N, C-alpha and C. Protein backbone atom coordinates (compact mmCIF):
# COMPACT_ATOMS: atom_id res chain seq x y z
N UNK A 1 -12.71 -18.54 -23.79
CA UNK A 1 -11.58 -18.79 -22.60
C UNK A 1 -10.27 -18.72 -22.59
N UNK A 2 -9.39 -17.65 -22.09
CA UNK A 2 -8.21 -18.09 -21.98
C UNK A 2 -7.90 -18.91 -20.90
N UNK A 3 -6.57 -19.79 -20.67
CA UNK A 3 -6.45 -20.71 -20.51
C UNK A 3 -5.43 -19.96 -19.60
N UNK A 4 -5.91 -20.39 -18.09
CA UNK A 4 -5.42 -19.96 -16.73
C UNK A 4 -3.69 -20.69 -15.79
N UNK A 5 -2.88 -19.77 -14.98
CA UNK A 5 -1.97 -20.66 -15.16
C UNK A 5 -2.81 -21.92 -14.35
N UNK A 6 -3.53 -22.25 -13.11
CA UNK A 6 -3.76 -23.64 -12.50
C UNK A 6 -4.25 -24.45 -13.74
N UNK A 7 -4.67 -24.36 -14.71
CA UNK A 7 -4.62 -25.91 -15.86
C UNK A 7 -6.22 -25.22 -15.88
N UNK A 8 -7.48 -24.65 -15.13
CA UNK A 8 -8.32 -23.98 -15.86
C UNK A 8 -8.80 -23.08 -16.70
N UNK A 9 -9.33 -22.56 -16.97
CA UNK A 9 -9.90 -21.92 -18.02
C UNK A 9 -10.57 -20.72 -17.14
N UNK A 10 -10.00 -19.54 -17.79
CA UNK A 10 -10.56 -18.24 -16.87
C UNK A 10 -11.85 -17.34 -17.36
N UNK A 11 -12.02 -16.65 -16.29
CA UNK A 11 -13.74 -16.54 -17.29
C UNK A 11 -13.18 -14.92 -16.67
N UNK A 12 -14.36 -14.03 -17.18
CA UNK A 12 -14.82 -12.48 -16.76
C UNK A 12 -16.06 -12.69 -16.09
N UNK A 13 -16.27 -11.34 -15.40
CA UNK A 13 -18.15 -12.23 -14.94
C UNK A 13 -18.21 -10.82 -14.47
N UNK A 14 -19.70 -10.15 -15.16
CA UNK A 14 -19.58 -8.58 -13.81
C UNK A 14 -19.91 -8.67 -12.39
N UNK A 15 -19.81 -8.09 -11.89
CA UNK A 15 -19.40 -7.88 -10.61
C UNK A 15 -21.38 -8.16 -10.12
N UNK A 16 -21.18 -8.94 -8.90
CA UNK A 16 -23.00 -9.42 -8.92
C UNK A 16 -23.34 -7.45 -8.10
N UNK A 17 -24.45 -7.94 -8.75
CA UNK A 17 -25.49 -6.66 -7.49
C UNK A 17 -25.25 -6.83 -6.45
N UNK A 18 -25.30 -6.47 -4.55
CA UNK A 18 -25.37 -6.53 -3.59
C UNK A 18 -26.69 -6.42 -3.40
N UNK A 19 -27.60 -7.43 -2.54
CA UNK A 19 -28.33 -6.32 -1.50
C UNK A 19 -28.40 -5.94 0.28
N UNK A 20 -27.28 -6.76 0.29
CA UNK A 20 -27.12 -6.29 1.53
C UNK A 20 -25.26 -5.18 2.37
N UNK A 21 -25.43 -4.13 2.43
CA UNK A 21 -24.07 -4.38 2.46
C UNK A 21 -22.91 -5.16 3.30
N UNK A 22 -22.31 -6.17 2.78
CA UNK A 22 -21.43 -6.87 3.07
C UNK A 22 -20.36 -6.36 3.44
N UNK A 23 -19.32 -7.23 3.99
CA UNK A 23 -17.77 -6.49 4.10
C UNK A 23 -16.87 -6.60 3.21
N UNK A 24 -17.60 -7.32 1.69
CA UNK A 24 -16.55 -6.72 0.74
C UNK A 24 -16.91 -4.91 -0.24
N UNK A 25 -18.27 -4.92 0.32
CA UNK A 25 -18.74 -3.46 0.00
C UNK A 25 -18.03 -2.47 0.59
N UNK A 26 -18.65 -2.62 1.52
CA UNK A 26 -17.51 -2.26 3.06
C UNK A 26 -16.01 -1.51 2.32
N UNK A 27 -15.18 -2.88 2.33
CA UNK A 27 -14.02 -2.86 1.76
C UNK A 27 -13.96 -1.94 0.33
N UNK A 28 -14.35 -2.30 -0.76
CA UNK A 28 -14.31 -1.64 -1.80
C UNK A 28 -14.33 -0.46 -2.06
N UNK A 29 -15.72 0.04 -1.39
CA UNK A 29 -16.22 1.45 -0.93
C UNK A 29 -15.04 2.40 -0.46
N UNK A 30 -13.85 1.38 0.73
CA UNK A 30 -12.79 2.04 1.12
C UNK A 30 -11.74 2.19 -0.19
N UNK A 31 -11.25 1.59 -0.39
CA UNK A 31 -10.20 1.09 -1.70
C UNK A 31 -10.50 2.41 -2.68
N UNK A 32 -11.34 2.10 -3.22
CA UNK A 32 -12.44 3.25 -4.13
C UNK A 32 -11.89 4.44 -4.09
N UNK A 33 -12.16 4.96 -2.51
CA UNK A 33 -12.64 6.82 -2.22
C UNK A 33 -10.78 6.42 -1.65
N UNK A 34 -10.32 5.87 -1.62
CA UNK A 34 -8.71 6.16 -1.68
C UNK A 34 -7.70 6.10 -3.11
N UNK A 35 -7.51 4.68 -3.78
CA UNK A 35 -7.51 4.42 -5.63
C UNK A 35 -8.10 4.72 -6.38
N UNK A 36 -9.40 5.32 -6.26
CA UNK A 36 -9.79 5.21 -7.73
C UNK A 36 -10.51 4.52 -7.36
N UNK A 37 -11.69 4.83 -8.46
CA UNK A 37 -12.51 3.76 -9.27
C UNK A 37 -12.11 2.32 -9.53
N UNK A 38 -13.31 1.15 -9.46
CA UNK A 38 -12.65 0.12 -9.80
C UNK A 38 -13.79 0.19 -11.77
N UNK A 39 -13.24 -1.25 -12.27
CA UNK A 39 -14.35 -2.09 -13.08
C UNK A 39 -15.06 -2.67 -12.55
N UNK A 40 -16.08 -2.16 -13.55
CA UNK A 40 -17.85 -3.57 -13.15
C UNK A 40 -17.23 -4.53 -13.53
N UNK A 41 -16.18 -5.30 -13.29
CA UNK A 41 -16.03 -6.46 -14.06
C UNK A 41 -15.16 -7.32 -12.82
N UNK A 42 -15.42 -9.00 -12.75
CA UNK A 42 -14.45 -10.01 -11.84
C UNK A 42 -13.88 -10.32 -12.81
N UNK A 43 -12.04 -10.41 -12.19
CA UNK A 43 -11.69 -11.31 -13.46
C UNK A 43 -11.38 -13.01 -12.38
N UNK A 44 -12.01 -14.13 -12.87
CA UNK A 44 -12.24 -15.13 -11.69
C UNK A 44 -12.18 -16.56 -11.92
N UNK A 45 -10.99 -17.48 -11.43
CA UNK A 45 -11.35 -18.50 -12.27
C UNK A 45 -12.38 -19.41 -12.38
N UNK A 46 -12.06 -19.89 -13.06
CA UNK A 46 -13.07 -21.37 -13.30
C UNK A 46 -13.40 -22.22 -11.91
N UNK A 47 -12.27 -22.37 -11.26
CA UNK A 47 -12.21 -23.28 -9.32
C UNK A 47 -12.04 -22.08 -9.42
N UNK A 48 -12.52 -21.39 -7.96
CA UNK A 48 -11.77 -20.80 -6.79
C UNK A 48 -10.93 -20.76 -6.19
N UNK A 49 -11.01 -19.83 -5.06
CA UNK A 49 -8.94 -19.71 -4.92
C UNK A 49 -9.64 -20.76 -3.54
N UNK A 50 -10.62 -20.82 -2.66
CA UNK A 50 -10.71 -21.77 -1.19
C UNK A 50 -10.52 -23.30 -1.97
N UNK A 51 -10.96 -23.42 -3.98
CA UNK A 51 -10.81 -24.96 -4.31
C UNK A 51 -9.63 -25.10 -4.83
N UNK A 52 -8.40 -23.96 -4.59
CA UNK A 52 -7.18 -24.69 -4.92
C UNK A 52 -6.76 -24.01 -6.55
N UNK A 53 -7.78 -22.67 -7.26
CA UNK A 53 -8.25 -22.02 -8.44
C UNK A 53 -7.03 -20.63 -7.67
N UNK A 54 -6.96 -19.53 -7.86
CA UNK A 54 -5.91 -18.16 -8.13
C UNK A 54 -7.42 -17.48 -7.63
N UNK A 55 -7.12 -16.39 -6.77
CA UNK A 55 -8.16 -15.25 -6.20
C UNK A 55 -8.22 -14.37 -7.35
N UNK A 56 -9.45 -14.61 -7.00
CA UNK A 56 -10.74 -13.30 -8.36
C UNK A 56 -10.20 -11.58 -7.35
N UNK A 57 -9.81 -11.07 -9.23
CA UNK A 57 -9.54 -9.52 -8.57
C UNK A 57 -10.58 -8.47 -9.25
N UNK A 58 -10.78 -7.06 -9.37
CA UNK A 58 -11.34 -6.34 -10.13
C UNK A 58 -9.79 -5.59 -10.18
N UNK A 59 -10.08 -5.16 -11.85
CA UNK A 59 -9.23 -3.93 -12.11
C UNK A 59 -9.24 -2.78 -11.59
N UNK A 60 -8.46 -1.99 -10.84
CA UNK A 60 -9.17 -0.25 -11.17
C UNK A 60 -9.59 -0.30 -12.97
N UNK A 61 -10.11 0.96 -12.85
CA UNK A 61 -10.24 1.70 -14.17
C UNK A 61 -8.85 2.10 -15.00
N UNK A 62 -8.04 2.91 -14.13
CA UNK A 62 -7.12 3.30 -14.96
C UNK A 62 -5.97 2.42 -14.64
N UNK A 63 -6.12 0.57 -14.51
CA UNK A 63 -5.44 -0.02 -14.62
C UNK A 63 -4.21 -0.44 -13.90
N UNK A 64 -3.85 0.32 -13.41
CA UNK A 64 -2.57 0.90 -11.86
C UNK A 64 -2.49 0.15 -10.71
N UNK A 65 -4.00 -0.72 -10.11
CA UNK A 65 -3.92 -1.48 -9.05
C UNK A 65 -5.09 -2.60 -9.20
N UNK A 66 -4.80 -3.48 -8.39
CA UNK A 66 -5.91 -5.10 -9.12
C UNK A 66 -5.81 -4.96 -7.44
N UNK A 67 -7.46 -5.36 -6.75
CA UNK A 67 -7.43 -5.26 -5.43
C UNK A 67 -8.62 -7.03 -5.65
N UNK A 68 -8.23 -8.11 -4.69
CA UNK A 68 -8.48 -9.03 -4.80
C UNK A 68 -10.07 -9.18 -3.58
N UNK A 69 -11.61 -10.38 -4.02
CA UNK A 69 -12.42 -9.90 -3.50
C UNK A 69 -12.95 -10.91 -3.21
N UNK A 70 -12.23 -11.96 -1.97
CA UNK A 70 -12.78 -13.80 -1.46
C UNK A 70 -12.30 -13.23 -0.03
N UNK A 71 -11.10 -12.90 -0.03
CA UNK A 71 -9.96 -12.85 1.12
C UNK A 71 -10.82 -13.12 2.48
N UNK A 72 -11.53 -11.96 2.42
CA UNK A 72 -12.57 -11.29 3.61
C UNK A 72 -13.14 -12.55 3.98
N UNK A 73 -13.79 -13.26 3.15
CA UNK A 73 -14.94 -14.18 3.48
C UNK A 73 -14.46 -16.09 3.71
N UNK A 74 -12.93 -15.76 3.93
CA UNK A 74 -12.49 -16.91 4.00
C UNK A 74 -12.05 -17.70 5.24
N UNK A 75 -12.66 -18.87 5.66
CA UNK A 75 -12.48 -19.36 7.36
C UNK A 75 -11.94 -19.71 7.45
N UNK A 76 -9.95 -19.84 6.50
CA UNK A 76 -9.13 -20.31 7.64
C UNK A 76 -8.16 -18.88 7.02
N UNK A 77 -8.63 -17.40 6.99
CA UNK A 77 -7.91 -16.67 6.77
C UNK A 77 -7.67 -15.97 8.76
N UNK A 78 -6.38 -16.22 8.60
CA UNK A 78 -6.17 -15.20 9.65
C UNK A 78 -6.44 -13.98 10.23
N UNK A 79 -6.87 -13.06 11.20
CA UNK A 79 -7.24 -11.79 11.06
C UNK A 79 -6.33 -10.98 10.58
N UNK A 80 -6.23 -9.49 10.39
CA UNK A 80 -4.60 -8.83 10.02
C UNK A 80 -4.35 -8.71 11.45
N UNK A 81 -2.62 -8.12 11.59
CA UNK A 81 -2.02 -7.77 12.49
C UNK A 81 -3.60 -7.05 13.73
N UNK A 82 -3.36 -6.52 12.24
CA UNK A 82 -4.80 -4.97 13.65
C UNK A 82 -6.28 -5.50 13.51
N UNK A 83 -5.94 -6.96 13.51
CA UNK A 83 -7.94 -7.33 14.19
C UNK A 83 -8.51 -7.33 12.75
N UNK A 84 -8.73 -6.92 12.10
CA UNK A 84 -9.18 -6.38 10.78
C UNK A 84 -9.71 -7.93 9.56
N UNK A 85 -10.18 -7.83 9.36
CA UNK A 85 -11.03 -9.10 7.28
C UNK A 85 -10.60 -7.98 6.91
N UNK A 86 -10.00 -8.99 5.65
CA UNK A 86 -9.17 -7.60 4.67
C UNK A 86 -9.50 -8.64 3.27
N UNK A 87 -9.01 -7.70 2.52
CA UNK A 87 -8.89 -7.95 0.80
C UNK A 87 -7.64 -7.20 1.15
N UNK A 88 -6.71 -7.76 0.07
CA UNK A 88 -6.12 -7.02 -0.69
C UNK A 88 -5.32 -6.51 -2.10
N UNK A 89 -4.96 -5.01 -1.70
CA UNK A 89 -4.80 -4.54 -3.79
C UNK A 89 -3.22 -4.66 -4.16
N UNK A 90 -3.22 -4.95 -5.00
CA UNK A 90 -1.55 -5.07 -5.48
C UNK A 90 -1.48 -3.64 -6.59
N UNK A 91 -0.55 -2.47 -6.36
CA UNK A 91 -0.47 -1.35 -7.35
C UNK A 91 1.17 -2.10 -8.35
N UNK A 92 0.57 -2.42 -9.11
CA UNK A 92 1.91 -2.53 -9.85
C UNK A 92 1.54 -2.02 -11.80
N UNK A 93 2.53 -2.20 -12.30
CA UNK A 93 1.95 -1.57 -13.97
C UNK A 93 2.00 -3.74 -14.89
N UNK A 94 2.12 -4.32 -14.24
CA UNK A 94 2.75 -5.69 -14.93
C UNK A 94 2.03 -6.30 -15.48
N UNK A 95 0.33 -5.67 -14.96
CA UNK A 95 -1.08 -6.08 -15.82
C UNK A 95 -1.35 -7.06 -14.83
N UNK A 96 -2.88 -7.93 -15.18
CA UNK A 96 -3.60 -8.39 -14.69
C UNK A 96 -3.28 -9.50 -14.14
N UNK A 97 -2.72 -10.70 -15.07
CA UNK A 97 -1.95 -11.92 -14.95
C UNK A 97 -0.98 -11.67 -14.32
N UNK A 98 0.05 -11.25 -14.20
CA UNK A 98 1.12 -10.88 -12.42
C UNK A 98 0.45 -10.55 -11.55
N UNK A 99 -0.50 -9.60 -11.72
CA UNK A 99 -1.29 -9.30 -9.86
C UNK A 99 -1.89 -10.18 -9.88
N UNK A 100 -3.15 -11.04 -10.44
CA UNK A 100 -3.14 -11.93 -9.74
C UNK A 100 -2.44 -13.38 -9.78
N UNK A 101 -1.51 -13.70 -9.99
CA UNK A 101 -0.36 -14.97 -9.39
C UNK A 101 -0.14 -14.32 -8.61
N UNK A 102 0.70 -13.26 -8.68
CA UNK A 102 1.71 -12.45 -7.34
C UNK A 102 -0.07 -12.82 -5.99
N UNK A 103 -1.15 -11.86 -6.74
CA UNK A 103 -2.29 -12.06 -5.30
C UNK A 103 -2.54 -13.93 -4.78
N UNK A 104 -2.57 -14.31 -5.97
CA UNK A 104 -2.97 -15.95 -5.52
C UNK A 104 -2.04 -16.17 -4.47
N UNK A 105 -0.49 -16.25 -4.79
CA UNK A 105 0.60 -16.58 -4.16
C UNK A 105 0.36 -16.02 -3.37
N UNK A 106 0.58 -14.72 -3.16
CA UNK A 106 0.17 -13.88 -1.61
C UNK A 106 -0.74 -13.83 -0.27
N UNK A 107 -1.79 -15.04 -1.39
CA UNK A 107 -2.52 -15.38 -0.60
C UNK A 107 -2.44 -16.16 0.37
N UNK A 108 -2.15 -17.69 -0.71
CA UNK A 108 -1.62 -18.67 0.02
C UNK A 108 -0.24 -18.87 1.15
N UNK A 109 0.22 -18.27 0.86
CA UNK A 109 1.60 -17.57 1.97
C UNK A 109 0.52 -16.89 4.36
N UNK A 110 -0.01 -16.17 3.34
CA UNK A 110 -1.20 -15.69 4.66
C UNK A 110 -2.30 -16.43 5.51
N UNK A 111 -2.83 -17.08 5.50
CA UNK A 111 -3.22 -18.27 5.61
C UNK A 111 -2.79 -18.86 7.07
N UNK A 112 -0.84 -18.74 7.00
CA UNK A 112 -0.21 -18.80 8.13
C UNK A 112 0.30 -17.48 8.85
N UNK A 113 0.56 -16.66 7.91
CA UNK A 113 1.61 -15.71 8.59
C UNK A 113 0.50 -14.11 8.30
N UNK A 114 0.26 -13.12 9.26
CA UNK A 114 -0.49 -12.69 9.42
C UNK A 114 0.12 -11.16 8.56
N UNK A 115 -0.92 -10.65 8.23
CA UNK A 115 -0.31 -9.46 7.60
C UNK A 115 -0.17 -8.23 8.14
N UNK A 116 0.52 -6.82 8.24
CA UNK A 116 0.48 -5.41 8.43
C UNK A 116 0.99 -4.47 8.29
N UNK A 117 -0.02 -3.43 8.73
CA UNK A 117 0.53 -2.11 8.04
C UNK A 117 1.62 -1.87 8.43
N UNK A 118 2.68 -1.18 7.33
CA UNK A 118 3.90 -1.14 7.32
C UNK A 118 4.48 -2.15 6.67
N UNK A 119 4.51 -2.72 6.68
CA UNK A 119 5.20 -4.62 6.58
C UNK A 119 6.02 -4.02 4.79
N UNK A 120 6.60 -4.61 4.91
CA UNK A 120 7.98 -4.96 3.36
C UNK A 120 7.82 -5.57 2.94
N UNK A 121 7.01 -6.49 1.52
CA UNK A 121 6.51 -7.33 1.28
C UNK A 121 7.43 -8.09 0.13
N UNK A 122 8.70 -9.53 -0.08
CA UNK A 122 9.45 -10.14 -0.36
C UNK A 122 9.30 -11.27 -1.06
N UNK A 123 8.54 -11.36 -1.97
CA UNK A 123 8.01 -12.41 -2.47
C UNK A 123 9.21 -12.58 -3.86
N UNK A 124 9.45 -14.05 -3.47
CA UNK A 124 10.53 -15.06 -4.99
C UNK A 124 9.67 -16.49 -4.66
N UNK A 125 9.45 -16.51 -6.05
CA UNK A 125 8.27 -18.00 -6.23
C UNK A 125 7.95 -17.77 -7.28
N UNK A 126 8.50 -19.51 -7.55
CA UNK A 126 8.95 -19.79 -9.30
C UNK A 126 7.40 -19.23 -9.82
N UNK A 127 5.80 -20.02 -8.84
CA UNK A 127 4.76 -19.31 -10.73
C UNK A 127 5.51 -17.45 -10.53
N UNK A 128 5.49 -16.52 -10.05
CA UNK A 128 6.14 -15.07 -10.21
C UNK A 128 7.27 -15.08 -11.33
N UNK A 129 8.37 -16.06 -11.20
CA UNK A 129 10.11 -15.82 -12.67
C UNK A 129 9.06 -15.18 -13.13
N UNK A 130 10.31 -14.91 -14.00
CA UNK A 130 10.83 -13.58 -13.56
C UNK A 130 11.11 -12.70 -12.60
N UNK A 131 10.09 -12.27 -12.80
CA UNK A 131 9.10 -10.89 -11.51
C UNK A 131 8.54 -11.26 -10.44
N UNK A 132 9.96 -10.78 -9.70
CA UNK A 132 9.28 -10.97 -7.99
C UNK A 132 8.32 -9.68 -7.68
N UNK A 133 8.28 -10.21 -6.09
CA UNK A 133 7.45 -9.02 -6.15
C UNK A 133 7.92 -8.59 -4.84
N UNK A 134 8.51 -7.39 -4.73
CA UNK A 134 8.99 -6.76 -3.57
C UNK A 134 8.07 -5.59 -3.23
N UNK A 135 7.90 -5.06 -1.65
CA UNK A 135 7.32 -3.27 -2.01
C UNK A 135 6.66 -3.18 -0.36
N UNK A 136 5.69 -2.45 -0.21
CA UNK A 136 5.82 -2.37 1.05
C UNK A 136 4.20 -2.23 0.77
N UNK A 137 3.83 -2.47 2.74
CA UNK A 137 1.75 -2.69 2.73
C UNK A 137 1.68 -1.24 3.41
N UNK A 138 0.45 -0.91 2.83
CA UNK A 138 -0.59 0.42 3.19
C UNK A 138 -1.78 0.23 3.14
N UNK A 139 -2.09 -0.13 4.51
CA UNK A 139 -3.43 -0.54 4.89
C UNK A 139 -4.78 0.97 4.88
N UNK A 140 -6.00 0.66 4.38
CA UNK A 140 -6.77 1.33 3.87
C UNK A 140 -7.77 0.95 4.60
N UNK A 141 -7.98 2.23 6.24
CA UNK A 141 -9.29 1.24 7.05
C UNK A 141 -10.97 1.50 6.20
N UNK A 142 -11.81 0.95 6.66
CA UNK A 142 -12.64 0.63 6.48
C UNK A 142 -13.51 1.75 7.56
N UNK A 143 -14.64 2.05 7.07
CA UNK A 143 -14.89 3.16 8.09
C UNK A 143 -15.61 2.17 9.56
N UNK A 144 -15.99 0.60 8.53
CA UNK A 144 -16.80 0.11 10.64
C UNK A 144 -15.74 0.04 11.40
N UNK A 145 -14.16 -0.54 10.84
CA UNK A 145 -13.60 -0.78 11.42
C UNK A 145 -12.91 -2.02 11.89
N UNK A 146 -13.28 -2.84 11.14
CA UNK A 146 -13.62 -4.15 11.73
C UNK A 146 -13.30 -4.94 10.47
N UNK A 147 -13.24 -4.06 9.03
CA UNK A 147 -12.20 -4.77 7.55
C UNK A 147 -11.18 -3.65 7.30
N UNK A 148 -10.81 -3.52 5.81
CA UNK A 148 -10.04 -2.86 5.56
C UNK A 148 -8.96 -3.96 4.47
N UNK A 149 -8.15 -3.02 3.23
CA UNK A 149 -7.46 -3.33 2.83
C UNK A 149 -6.26 -3.01 2.90
N UNK A 150 -4.75 -3.83 3.30
CA UNK A 150 -3.69 -4.05 3.11
C UNK A 150 -3.36 -3.88 1.64
N UNK A 151 -2.97 -3.01 0.96
CA UNK A 151 -1.81 -2.44 -0.27
C UNK A 151 -0.79 -2.32 -0.42
N UNK A 152 -0.07 -3.25 -1.05
CA UNK A 152 1.46 -3.66 -1.54
C UNK A 152 1.53 -2.47 -2.60
N UNK A 153 1.82 -1.51 -2.43
CA UNK A 153 2.70 -0.96 -3.36
C UNK A 153 3.78 -1.34 -3.79
N UNK A 154 4.04 -2.41 -5.19
CA UNK A 154 5.37 -2.40 -5.44
C UNK A 154 6.61 -1.53 -5.67
N UNK A 155 8.09 -2.02 -5.24
CA UNK A 155 8.66 -1.21 -5.78
C UNK A 155 8.68 -0.25 -7.01
N UNK A 156 9.05 1.39 -7.16
CA UNK A 156 8.75 1.76 -8.37
C UNK A 156 7.65 2.06 -8.96
N UNK A 157 6.59 1.57 -7.87
CA UNK A 157 5.60 2.46 -8.34
C UNK A 157 4.62 2.93 -7.40
N UNK A 158 4.09 4.42 -8.10
CA UNK A 158 3.15 5.45 -7.13
C UNK A 158 1.82 4.85 -6.57
N UNK A 159 1.81 5.03 -4.69
CA UNK A 159 0.62 4.99 -4.26
C UNK A 159 -0.40 5.69 -5.50
N UNK A 160 -1.63 5.00 -5.98
CA UNK A 160 -2.52 6.31 -6.65
C UNK A 160 -3.29 6.64 -5.64
N UNK A 161 -4.22 7.42 -6.16
CA UNK A 161 -5.19 8.00 -5.17
C UNK A 161 -5.09 9.74 -4.74
N UNK A 162 -5.70 10.37 -4.01
CA UNK A 162 -5.63 11.25 -3.67
C UNK A 162 -4.04 11.13 -2.63
N UNK A 163 -4.52 10.71 -1.60
CA UNK A 163 -3.66 10.87 -0.26
C UNK A 163 -2.33 10.29 -1.03
N UNK A 164 -1.03 10.48 -0.75
CA UNK A 164 -0.30 10.09 -0.73
C UNK A 164 1.29 9.70 0.26
């Protein structure tokens, strides 16, 4: 297994089947309808995000976006400005390692700051150097309305999917 950024090993696991329709199922369904299909595996740290490791992510089949899978369920996560539980996706061409690091750093900051639709993200962090993250946020609401996904479209990237 490859070494992870936070000192532990990284693992790739199959995304488990879920019996009940969860917030994550609803969020990922909305994301795939908007941005395109996801792979059937999750890139996760041996140590989970809630214990100090990286966020778990799923890569799109086209490799043009990555989405977190555990933020909606965190006890300490503030709801979004729009009042939703949420996951965060990143549209980037810099690959899974950058996406996981950027989304992890972003998740750390969201513990004390609300995300919102139309927000401008500018992250300059040692863990991202020399590739900082700058982009605009777009919300994908779910059909239930109480959860959704906030997509960070990195500067210079095109929003994937049917709707522009």
